[in-house]
Amino acid sequence: MEATRAKTYSSPQRKLVKFFERSRNQWKAKAGAAKTVLKGLGTRMRRLQRSNEDSHHQMEVLQTQVAE
């Protein structure tokens, strides 16, 4: 039943609105920056995996040429 009660604040509403808005904007900026970093790391990982696969393929081709 306590969850349905409205929370009362002692600060004026105009200050609370500014505080909550600033808090939300900071959270969104932080989350957006983290998402950008994560996307960049994913791209880097895929590029490195592709490069690694290409290197292995080239190594196999060279090994077969040496064996011949």
Protein backbone atom coordinates (compact mmCIF):
# COMPACT_ATOMS: atom_id res chain seq x y z
CA MET A 1 0.00 0.00 0.00
CA GLU A 2 2.90 2.40 0.64
CA ALA A 3 3.94 2.31 -3.01
CA THR A 4 0.72 4.05 -4.05
CA ARG A 5 1.29 7.06 -1.81
CA ALA A 6 2.72 10.17 -3.42
CA LYS A 7 6.17 11.07 -2.14
CA THR A 8 6.33 14.48 -0.52
CA TYR A 9 9.38 16.68 -0.89
CA SER A 10 10.28 19.59 1.34
CA SER A 11 12.01 21.52 -1.47
CA PRO A 12 10.02 23.81 -3.76
CA GLN A 13 8.74 22.17 -6.91
CA ARG A 14 10.61 24.57 -9.24
CA LYS A 15 13.94 23.46 -7.74
CA LEU A 16 13.01 19.79 -7.89
CA VAL A 17 12.04 20.04 -11.55
CA LYS A 18 15.42 21.56 -12.43
CA PHE A 19 17.27 19.00 -10.33
CA PHE A 20 15.46 16.01 -11.83
CA GLU A 21 15.83 17.37 -15.36
CA ARG A 22 19.57 17.91 -14.89
CA SER A 23 19.92 14.46 -13.36
CA ARG A 24 18.06 12.86 -16.28
CA ASN A 25 20.15 14.74 -18.86
CA GLN A 26 23.40 13.68 -17.16
CA TRP A 27 22.23 10.07 -17.11
CA LYS A 28 21.27 10.18 -20.78
CA ALA A 29 24.63 11.71 -21.74
CA LYS A 30 26.51 9.08 -19.75
CA ALA A 31 24.46 6.25 -21.28
CA GLY A 32 24.93 7.67 -24.79
CA ALA A 33 28.69 7.93 -24.33
CA ALA A 34 28.86 4.35 -23.04
CA LYS A 35 26.81 3.15 -26.01
CA THR A 36 29.15 4.92 -28.44
CA VAL A 37 32.21 3.36 -26.80
CA LEU A 38 30.60 -0.08 -26.83
CA LYS A 39 29.71 0.22 -30.51
CA GLY A 40 33.27 1.29 -31.34
CA LEU A 41 34.72 -1.64 -29.42
CA GLY A 42 32.40 -4.05 -31.22
CA THR A 43 33.50 -2.67 -34.58
CA ARG A 44 37.15 -2.93 -33.57
CA MET A 45 36.68 -6.52 -32.41
CA ARG A 46 35.04 -7.54 -35.70
CA ARG A 47 37.85 -5.92 -37.70
CA LEU A 48 40.52 -7.69 -35.63
CA GLN A 49 38.76 -11.04 -36.01
CA ARG A 50 38.54 -10.55 -39.78
CA SER A 51 42.22 -9.58 -39.91
CA ASN A 52 43.14 -12.62 -37.82
CA GLU A 53 41.16 -14.93 -40.13
CA ASP A 54 42.83 -13.39 -43.18
CA SER A 55 46.27 -13.87 -41.61
CA HIS A 56 45.52 -17.52 -40.85
CA HIS A 57 44.30 -18.09 -44.40
CA GLN A 58 47.41 -16.45 -45.83
CA MET A 59 49.61 -18.54 -43.52
CA GLU A 60 47.92 -21.75 -44.71
CA VAL A 61 48.44 -20.78 -48.35
CA LEU A 62 52.11 -20.05 -47.72
CA GLN A 63 52.55 -23.34 -45.84
CA THR A 64 51.10 -25.29 -48.76
CA GLN A 65 53.43 -23.46 -51.15
CA VAL A 66 56.44 -24.28 -48.95
CA ALA A 67 55.34 -27.94 -48.72
CA GLU A 68 55.18 -28.18 -52.50
